[in-house]
Amino acid sequence: MDTNQREFFRVRFNKPIEGELRISEKDPFQIEIHDVSVKGLRFVSDIDFPLHKKLICNFSILDSSFEVKGSIVRKTKERKSINYGVMLNIEPATFTELFRQLNYYQIRKRKGTLEEV
């Protein structure tokens, strides 16, 4: 039996959102974020990042921009890309705002009032 151990809901985007990922002081990489929760996110890239690598990720949900720290905890190779799971380590104020925006996004998605660009 497969059990879901997530504490918080995860929002899956109808269309992946664009994000930017930085590892140390290197130039940022463009990524596609497929889902987000307040504790983690999943992104896809064609770049092979190492597991347990610490990173900073920037993205926007609705009208709010976020910069969050995390580390890669999972990666799965597909044909032309790699799926990554990231565990986030965010400040309380950012946590609260991200939770609020994810909740608002989910409500709008259910009501069919969400316009994704």
N, C-alpha and C. Protein backbone atom coordinates (compact mmCIF):
# COMPACT_ATOMS: atom_id res chain seq x y z
N MET A 1 0.84 -1.18 0.00
CA MET A 1 0.00 0.00 0.00
C MET A 1 0.88 1.24 0.00
N ASP A 2 0.59 2.16 -0.88
CA ASP A 2 1.33 3.41 -1.00
C ASP A 2 0.68 4.46 -0.12
N THR A 3 1.45 5.05 0.79
CA THR A 3 0.88 6.07 1.66
C THR A 3 1.48 7.42 1.32
N ASN A 4 0.64 8.42 1.33
CA ASN A 4 1.09 9.78 1.07
C ASN A 4 1.47 10.41 2.40
N GLN A 5 2.74 10.75 2.57
CA GLN A 5 3.22 11.28 3.83
C GLN A 5 3.30 12.80 3.84
N ARG A 6 2.72 13.44 2.87
CA ARG A 6 2.78 14.90 2.80
C ARG A 6 1.89 15.52 3.86
N GLU A 7 2.43 16.55 4.53
CA GLU A 7 1.66 17.26 5.55
C GLU A 7 0.76 18.32 4.93
N PHE A 8 1.16 18.87 3.80
CA PHE A 8 0.45 19.99 3.19
C PHE A 8 0.02 19.64 1.77
N PHE A 9 -1.03 20.30 1.32
CA PHE A 9 -1.52 20.04 -0.03
C PHE A 9 -0.52 20.52 -1.07
N ARG A 10 -0.54 19.88 -2.20
CA ARG A 10 0.35 20.19 -3.31
C ARG A 10 -0.50 20.68 -4.47
N VAL A 11 -0.11 21.79 -5.06
CA VAL A 11 -0.83 22.35 -6.21
C VAL A 11 -0.12 21.93 -7.49
N ARG A 12 -0.86 21.27 -8.34
CA ARG A 12 -0.35 20.89 -9.67
C ARG A 12 -0.86 21.93 -10.66
N PHE A 13 0.05 22.48 -11.43
CA PHE A 13 -0.30 23.52 -12.37
C PHE A 13 -0.80 22.92 -13.68
N ASN A 14 -1.84 23.53 -14.26
CA ASN A 14 -2.35 23.08 -15.55
C ASN A 14 -1.25 23.17 -16.61
N LYS A 15 -0.49 24.24 -16.52
CA LYS A 15 0.64 24.48 -17.41
C LYS A 15 1.82 24.81 -16.49
N PRO A 16 2.99 24.16 -16.67
CA PRO A 16 4.12 24.43 -15.78
C PRO A 16 4.45 25.92 -15.71
N ILE A 17 4.83 26.37 -14.52
CA ILE A 17 5.24 27.76 -14.37
C ILE A 17 6.75 27.85 -14.54
N GLU A 18 7.19 28.97 -15.04
CA GLU A 18 8.62 29.18 -15.24
C GLU A 18 9.27 29.56 -13.93
N GLY A 19 10.46 29.05 -13.72
CA GLY A 19 11.21 29.37 -12.53
C GLY A 19 12.68 29.52 -12.86
N GLU A 20 13.41 29.97 -11.88
CA GLU A 20 14.84 30.17 -12.03
C GLU A 20 15.52 29.49 -10.85
N LEU A 21 16.56 28.74 -11.11
CA LEU A 21 17.25 27.99 -10.07
C LEU A 21 18.71 28.42 -10.04
N ARG A 22 19.19 28.68 -8.83
CA ARG A 22 20.60 29.05 -8.65
C ARG A 22 21.26 28.08 -7.68
N ILE A 23 22.45 27.64 -8.07
CA ILE A 23 23.27 26.81 -7.20
C ILE A 23 24.55 27.58 -6.97
N SER A 24 24.83 27.90 -5.72
CA SER A 24 25.96 28.74 -5.31
C SER A 24 25.95 30.05 -6.10
N GLU A 25 27.07 30.50 -6.55
CA GLU A 25 27.15 31.80 -7.24
C GLU A 25 27.10 31.68 -8.76
N LYS A 26 26.75 30.51 -9.25
CA LYS A 26 26.70 30.30 -10.70
C LYS A 26 25.52 31.03 -11.31
N ASP A 27 25.57 31.21 -12.63
CA ASP A 27 24.45 31.82 -13.34
C ASP A 27 23.19 30.98 -13.14
N PRO A 28 22.03 31.63 -13.12
CA PRO A 28 20.78 30.88 -12.90
C PRO A 28 20.40 30.02 -14.10
N PHE A 29 19.68 28.95 -13.80
CA PHE A 29 19.16 28.03 -14.82
C PHE A 29 17.65 28.22 -14.90
N GLN A 30 17.09 28.16 -16.09
CA GLN A 30 15.64 28.22 -16.27
C GLN A 30 15.06 26.82 -16.07
N ILE A 31 13.96 26.74 -15.31
CA ILE A 31 13.32 25.46 -15.05
C ILE A 31 11.82 25.58 -15.25
N GLU A 32 11.15 24.43 -15.38
CA GLU A 32 9.69 24.36 -15.44
C GLU A 32 9.20 23.71 -14.16
N ILE A 33 8.40 24.44 -13.39
CA ILE A 33 7.88 23.92 -12.13
C ILE A 33 6.50 23.34 -12.39
N HIS A 34 6.33 22.07 -12.02
CA HIS A 34 5.07 21.36 -12.29
C HIS A 34 4.13 21.35 -11.09
N ASP A 35 4.67 21.34 -9.88
CA ASP A 35 3.81 21.42 -8.70
C ASP A 35 4.59 21.98 -7.52
N VAL A 36 3.83 22.55 -6.56
CA VAL A 36 4.43 23.21 -5.41
C VAL A 36 3.57 22.96 -4.18
N SER A 37 4.23 22.81 -3.04
CA SER A 37 3.57 22.87 -1.73
C SER A 37 4.44 23.79 -0.88
N VAL A 38 4.05 24.03 0.35
CA VAL A 38 4.87 24.89 1.20
C VAL A 38 6.13 24.17 1.69
N LYS A 39 6.20 22.88 1.48
CA LYS A 39 7.36 22.10 1.91
C LYS A 39 8.22 21.58 0.76
N GLY A 40 7.72 21.69 -0.49
CA GLY A 40 8.51 21.16 -1.59
C GLY A 40 7.96 21.55 -2.95
N LEU A 41 8.72 21.23 -3.97
CA LEU A 41 8.27 21.47 -5.34
C LEU A 41 8.89 20.43 -6.26
N ARG A 42 8.29 20.31 -7.44
CA ARG A 42 8.81 19.41 -8.46
C ARG A 42 9.07 20.23 -9.71
N PHE A 43 10.28 20.08 -10.25
CA PHE A 43 10.61 20.79 -11.49
C PHE A 43 11.24 19.83 -12.48
N VAL A 44 11.25 20.27 -13.73
CA VAL A 44 11.83 19.49 -14.82
C VAL A 44 12.92 20.33 -15.48
N SER A 45 14.02 19.68 -15.81
CA SER A 45 15.13 20.35 -16.49
C SER A 45 15.87 19.32 -17.34
N ASP A 46 16.62 19.81 -18.31
CA ASP A 46 17.46 18.90 -19.09
C ASP A 46 18.88 18.87 -18.54
N ILE A 47 19.12 19.59 -17.44
CA ILE A 47 20.43 19.63 -16.81
C ILE A 47 20.47 18.60 -15.68
N ASP A 48 21.58 17.90 -15.56
CA ASP A 48 21.72 16.86 -14.53
C ASP A 48 22.34 17.47 -13.27
N PHE A 49 21.49 17.82 -12.30
CA PHE A 49 21.94 18.36 -11.03
C PHE A 49 22.18 17.21 -10.05
N PRO A 50 23.16 17.34 -9.15
CA PRO A 50 23.41 16.27 -8.18
C PRO A 50 22.36 16.27 -7.06
N LEU A 51 22.11 15.08 -6.51
CA LEU A 51 21.21 14.96 -5.36
C LEU A 51 21.81 15.69 -4.16
N HIS A 52 20.95 16.15 -3.28
CA HIS A 52 21.30 16.82 -2.03
C HIS A 52 21.99 18.16 -2.23
N LYS A 53 21.95 18.67 -3.45
CA LYS A 53 22.56 19.97 -3.74
C LYS A 53 21.65 21.06 -3.21
N LYS A 54 22.22 22.02 -2.49
CA LYS A 54 21.44 23.16 -1.99
C LYS A 54 21.25 24.16 -3.12
N LEU A 55 20.08 24.81 -3.11
CA LEU A 55 19.74 25.71 -4.20
C LEU A 55 18.83 26.83 -3.72
N ILE A 56 18.67 27.81 -4.59
CA ILE A 56 17.70 28.89 -4.39
C ILE A 56 16.84 28.92 -5.64
N CYS A 57 15.53 28.95 -5.43
CA CYS A 57 14.59 28.91 -6.55
C CYS A 57 13.70 30.15 -6.51
N ASN A 58 13.52 30.78 -7.65
CA ASN A 58 12.64 31.94 -7.80
C ASN A 58 11.50 31.57 -8.73
N PHE A 59 10.28 31.95 -8.34
CA PHE A 59 9.09 31.70 -9.16
C PHE A 59 7.98 32.62 -8.70
N SER A 60 6.94 32.70 -9.51
CA SER A 60 5.77 33.52 -9.17
C SER A 60 4.51 32.68 -9.26
N ILE A 61 3.61 32.90 -8.31
CA ILE A 61 2.29 32.29 -8.32
C ILE A 61 1.29 33.43 -8.21
N LEU A 62 0.39 33.49 -9.19
CA LEU A 62 -0.55 34.60 -9.31
C LEU A 62 0.24 35.89 -9.32
N ASP A 63 0.03 36.78 -8.37
CA ASP A 63 0.74 38.07 -8.39
C ASP A 63 1.89 38.14 -7.39
N SER A 64 2.26 37.02 -6.79
CA SER A 64 3.31 37.02 -5.78
C SER A 64 4.56 36.30 -6.27
N SER A 65 5.70 36.92 -6.01
CA SER A 65 6.99 36.32 -6.37
C SER A 65 7.62 35.72 -5.12
N PHE A 66 8.32 34.61 -5.31
CA PHE A 66 8.94 33.91 -4.19
C PHE A 66 10.39 33.58 -4.50
N GLU A 67 11.21 33.67 -3.46
CA GLU A 67 12.59 33.19 -3.52
C GLU A 67 12.73 32.25 -2.33
N VAL A 68 12.95 30.97 -2.61
CA VAL A 68 12.98 29.96 -1.56
C VAL A 68 14.26 29.14 -1.64
N LYS A 69 14.72 28.70 -0.47
CA LYS A 69 15.88 27.83 -0.39
C LYS A 69 15.41 26.40 -0.27
N GLY A 70 16.23 25.49 -0.76
CA GLY A 70 15.89 24.08 -0.65
C GLY A 70 17.04 23.20 -1.06
N SER A 71 16.76 21.91 -1.14
CA SER A 71 17.76 20.97 -1.62
C SER A 71 17.08 19.85 -2.40
N ILE A 72 17.79 19.35 -3.39
CA ILE A 72 17.26 18.28 -4.25
C ILE A 72 17.28 16.98 -3.47
N VAL A 73 16.10 16.36 -3.34
CA VAL A 73 16.00 15.11 -2.58
C VAL A 73 15.64 13.92 -3.45
N ARG A 74 15.23 14.19 -4.69
CA ARG A 74 14.83 13.10 -5.58
C ARG A 74 15.04 13.53 -7.02
N LYS A 75 15.45 12.57 -7.86
CA LYS A 75 15.50 12.85 -9.29
C LYS A 75 15.20 11.57 -10.06
N THR A 76 14.44 11.75 -11.15
CA THR A 76 14.02 10.64 -11.99
C THR A 76 14.28 11.02 -13.44
N LYS A 77 15.07 10.21 -14.11
CA LYS A 77 15.40 10.50 -15.51
C LYS A 77 14.28 10.02 -16.42
N GLU A 78 13.87 10.90 -17.32
CA GLU A 78 12.90 10.59 -18.36
C GLU A 78 13.68 10.52 -19.67
N ARG A 79 12.99 10.45 -20.79
CA ARG A 79 13.68 10.36 -22.08
C ARG A 79 14.57 11.57 -22.37
N LYS A 80 13.99 12.76 -22.32
CA LYS A 80 14.73 13.96 -22.71
C LYS A 80 14.94 14.94 -21.57
N SER A 81 14.49 14.59 -20.37
CA SER A 81 14.59 15.52 -19.26
C SER A 81 14.72 14.75 -17.95
N ILE A 82 14.88 15.51 -16.88
CA ILE A 82 14.99 14.92 -15.54
C ILE A 82 13.98 15.62 -14.63
N ASN A 83 13.20 14.83 -13.90
CA ASN A 83 12.27 15.34 -12.90
C ASN A 83 12.98 15.39 -11.55
N TYR A 84 12.83 16.52 -10.86
CA TYR A 84 13.47 16.70 -9.56
C TYR A 84 12.44 16.98 -8.49
N GLY A 85 12.68 16.43 -7.31
CA GLY A 85 11.91 16.77 -6.13
C GLY A 85 12.79 17.58 -5.21
N VAL A 86 12.27 18.72 -4.75
CA VAL A 86 13.03 19.62 -3.90
C VAL A 86 12.31 19.78 -2.56
N MET A 87 13.06 19.63 -1.47
CA MET A 87 12.52 19.91 -0.15
C MET A 87 12.87 21.36 0.18
N LEU A 88 11.84 22.15 0.51
CA LEU A 88 12.05 23.57 0.77
C LEU A 88 12.33 23.83 2.24
N ASN A 89 13.12 24.86 2.48
CA ASN A 89 13.43 25.33 3.82
C ASN A 89 13.18 26.83 3.80
N ILE A 90 11.96 27.25 4.17
CA ILE A 90 11.59 28.65 3.99
C ILE A 90 11.27 29.33 5.31
N GLU A 91 11.42 30.64 5.31
CA GLU A 91 11.14 31.47 6.48
C GLU A 91 9.64 31.48 6.78
N PRO A 92 9.25 31.69 8.05
CA PRO A 92 7.83 31.69 8.41
C PRO A 92 6.97 32.67 7.61
N ALA A 93 7.44 33.87 7.36
CA ALA A 93 6.64 34.85 6.60
C ALA A 93 6.44 34.38 5.16
N THR A 94 7.47 33.83 4.56
CA THR A 94 7.37 33.31 3.19
C THR A 94 6.45 32.09 3.17
N PHE A 95 6.57 31.24 4.19
CA PHE A 95 5.71 30.06 4.33
C PHE A 95 4.24 30.48 4.32
N THR A 96 3.90 31.48 5.13
CA THR A 96 2.52 31.95 5.25
C THR A 96 2.02 32.50 3.92
N GLU A 97 2.82 33.31 3.25
CA GLU A 97 2.41 33.91 1.98
C GLU A 97 2.29 32.84 0.89
N LEU A 98 3.21 31.90 0.85
CA LEU A 98 3.14 30.83 -0.14
C LEU A 98 1.89 29.97 0.10
N PHE A 99 1.61 29.65 1.35
CA PHE A 99 0.41 28.87 1.67
C PHE A 99 -0.85 29.61 1.21
N ARG A 100 -0.89 30.91 1.47
CA ARG A 100 -2.04 31.72 1.08
C ARG A 100 -2.22 31.74 -0.44
N GLN A 101 -1.14 31.95 -1.17
CA GLN A 101 -1.22 32.01 -2.63
C GLN A 101 -1.58 30.64 -3.24
N LEU A 102 -1.03 29.57 -2.68
CA LEU A 102 -1.37 28.23 -3.18
C LEU A 102 -2.84 27.92 -2.93
N ASN A 103 -3.33 28.31 -1.77
CA ASN A 103 -4.74 28.10 -1.44
C ASN A 103 -5.63 28.90 -2.40
N TYR A 104 -5.29 30.16 -2.62
CA TYR A 104 -6.05 31.01 -3.53
C TYR A 104 -6.01 30.46 -4.96
N TYR A 105 -4.83 29.99 -5.39
CA TYR A 105 -4.68 29.39 -6.73
C TYR A 105 -5.60 28.18 -6.86
N GLN A 106 -5.58 27.32 -5.84
CA GLN A 106 -6.39 26.10 -5.87
C GLN A 106 -7.88 26.42 -5.93
N ILE A 107 -8.32 27.41 -5.18
CA ILE A 107 -9.73 27.82 -5.19
C ILE A 107 -10.11 28.31 -6.58
N ARG A 108 -9.30 29.18 -7.15
CA ARG A 108 -9.58 29.70 -8.49
C ARG A 108 -9.56 28.59 -9.54
N LYS A 109 -8.66 27.63 -9.39
CA LYS A 109 -8.58 26.51 -10.32
C LYS A 109 -9.87 25.69 -10.27
N ARG A 110 -10.36 25.41 -9.06
CA ARG A 110 -11.60 24.64 -8.91
C ARG A 110 -12.82 25.37 -9.46
N LYS A 111 -12.85 26.69 -9.27
CA LYS A 111 -13.99 27.49 -9.74
C LYS A 111 -13.92 27.75 -11.24
N GLY A 112 -12.77 27.48 -11.85
CA GLY A 112 -12.61 27.73 -13.28
C GLY A 112 -12.37 29.19 -13.61
N THR A 113 -11.91 29.97 -12.63
CA THR A 113 -11.67 31.40 -12.86
C THR A 113 -10.18 31.71 -12.99
N LEU A 114 -9.39 30.69 -13.22
CA LEU A 114 -7.95 30.86 -13.30
C LEU A 114 -7.54 31.09 -14.75
N GLU A 115 -6.79 32.16 -14.97
CA GLU A 115 -6.26 32.45 -16.30
C GLU A 115 -4.76 32.26 -16.25
N GLU A 116 -4.27 31.21 -16.90
CA GLU A 116 -2.83 30.95 -16.93
C GLU A 116 -2.26 31.46 -18.24
N VAL A 117 -1.12 32.10 -18.12
CA VAL A 117 -0.46 32.66 -19.30
C VAL A 117 0.53 31.66 -19.84
